[in-house]
Amino acid sequence: MRYGNRDKPECNSGRAGFVDARLEALRRRWENATDEREKTEVSEQIREWRSFKPERSAPTGGRR
């Protein structure tokens, strides 16, 4: 089955999606943190995970 351009499902890199999900979980954990020590640890983890996020490259022509 072929898709028209507008019906094509969004293609995401599995790794990028995983990193985004992990960052979102860490942000929620940071918001619910009860003390400064925990917030500091979670902030550090967020910075580390951001460094793993691949840069988005310019879109290329579609494949046939």
C-alpha atoms as a PDB file:
ATOM      1  CA  MET A   1       0.000   0.000   0.000  1.00  0.00           C
ATOM      2  CA  ARG A   2       1.383   3.387  -0.955  1.00  0.00           C
ATOM      3  CA  TYR A   3       0.839   6.647   0.846  1.00  0.00           C
ATOM      4  CA  GLY A   4       0.194  10.026  -0.685  1.00  0.00           C
ATOM      5  CA  ASN A   5       2.548  12.689   0.607  1.00  0.00           C
ATOM      6  CA  ARG A   6       0.110  14.031   3.206  1.00  0.00           C
ATOM      7  CA  ASP A   7      -1.030  10.584   4.400  1.00  0.00           C
ATOM      8  CA  LYS A   8       2.485   9.316   4.961  1.00  0.00           C
ATOM      9  CA  PRO A   9       3.105   8.322   8.582  1.00  0.00           C
ATOM     10  CA  GLU A  10       5.722  10.381  10.407  1.00  0.00           C
ATOM     11  CA  CYS A  11       9.094   8.647  10.372  1.00  0.00           C
ATOM     12  CA  ASN A  12      11.075   9.209  13.541  1.00  0.00           C
ATOM     13  CA  SER A  13      14.409   7.860  14.541  1.00  0.00           C
ATOM     14  CA  GLY A  14      13.940   5.298  17.288  1.00  0.00           C
ATOM     15  CA  ARG A  15      16.881   6.692  19.204  1.00  0.00           C
ATOM     16  CA  ALA A  16      15.612  10.280  19.070  1.00  0.00           C
ATOM     17  CA  GLY A  17      12.180   9.173  20.283  1.00  0.00           C
ATOM     18  CA  PHE A  18      13.715   7.260  23.160  1.00  0.00           C
ATOM     19  CA  VAL A  19      15.822  10.248  24.226  1.00  0.00           C
ATOM     20  CA  ASP A  20      12.789  12.561  24.046  1.00  0.00           C
ATOM     21  CA  ALA A  21      10.772  10.175  26.214  1.00  0.00           C
ATOM     22  CA  ARG A  22      13.597   9.905  28.735  1.00  0.00           C
ATOM     23  CA  LEU A  23      13.964  13.697  28.883  1.00  0.00           C
ATOM     24  CA  GLU A  24      10.221  14.081  29.470  1.00  0.00           C
ATOM     25  CA  ALA A  25      10.327  11.547  32.314  1.00  0.00           C
ATOM     26  CA  LEU A  26      13.291  13.366  33.883  1.00  0.00           C
ATOM     27  CA  ARG A  27      11.459  16.719  33.620  1.00  0.00           C
ATOM     28  CA  ARG A  28       8.459  15.244  35.442  1.00  0.00           C
ATOM     29  CA  ARG A  29      10.768  13.803  38.088  1.00  0.00           C
ATOM     30  CA  TRP A  30      12.450  17.213  38.485  1.00  0.00           C
ATOM     31  CA  GLU A  31       9.059  18.933  38.935  1.00  0.00           C
ATOM     32  CA  ASN A  32       8.101  16.422  41.651  1.00  0.00           C
ATOM     33  CA  ALA A  33      11.475  16.535  43.431  1.00  0.00           C
ATOM     34  CA  THR A  34      11.172  17.358  47.113  1.00  0.00           C
ATOM     35  CA  ASP A  35      14.654  18.649  47.916  1.00  0.00           C
ATOM     36  CA  GLU A  36      17.463  20.562  46.224  1.00  0.00           C
ATOM     37  CA  ARG A  37      19.824  17.579  46.166  1.00  0.00           C
ATOM     38  CA  GLU A  38      17.374  15.533  44.113  1.00  0.00           C
ATOM     39  CA  LYS A  39      16.695  18.480  41.774  1.00  0.00           C
ATOM     40  CA  THR A  40      20.431  18.917  41.242  1.00  0.00           C
ATOM     41  CA  GLU A  41      20.900  15.219  40.404  1.00  0.00           C
ATOM     42  CA  VAL A  42      17.980  15.207  37.976  1.00  0.00           C
ATOM     43  CA  SER A  43      19.193  18.453  36.339  1.00  0.00           C
ATOM     44  CA  GLU A  44      22.569  16.841  35.760  1.00  0.00           C
ATOM     45  CA  GLN A  45      20.935  13.789  34.178  1.00  0.00           C
ATOM     46  CA  ILE A  46      18.843  16.057  31.926  1.00  0.00           C
ATOM     47  CA  ARG A  47      22.004  17.811  30.718  1.00  0.00           C
ATOM     48  CA  GLU A  48      23.656  14.436  29.988  1.00  0.00           C
ATOM     49  CA  TRP A  49      20.627  13.119  28.083  1.00  0.00           C
ATOM     50  CA  ARG A  50      20.398  16.305  26.011  1.00  0.00           C
ATOM     51  CA  SER A  51      23.929  15.669  24.793  1.00  0.00           C
ATOM     52  CA  PHE A  52      22.763  12.276  23.411  1.00  0.00           C
ATOM     53  CA  LYS A  53      19.972  13.829  21.360  1.00  0.00           C
ATOM     54  CA  PRO A  54      20.983  13.637  17.695  1.00  0.00           C
ATOM     55  CA  GLU A  55      20.917  16.855  15.722  1.00  0.00           C
ATOM     56  CA  ARG A  56      18.098  17.012  13.218  1.00  0.00           C
ATOM     57  CA  SER A  57      19.449  17.028   9.696  1.00  0.00           C
ATOM     58  CA  ALA A  58      17.858  18.891   6.828  1.00  0.00           C
ATOM     59  CA  PRO A  59      15.054  16.933   5.211  1.00  0.00           C
ATOM     60  CA  THR A  60      16.083  15.042   2.109  1.00  0.00           C
ATOM     61  CA  GLY A  61      14.060  14.122  -0.952  1.00  0.00           C
ATOM     62  CA  GLY A  62      11.593  11.264  -0.521  1.00  0.00           C
ATOM     63  CA  ARG A  63      12.483   7.762  -1.647  1.00  0.00           C
ATOM     64  CA  ARG A  64      10.437   5.846  -4.183  1.00  0.00           C
END
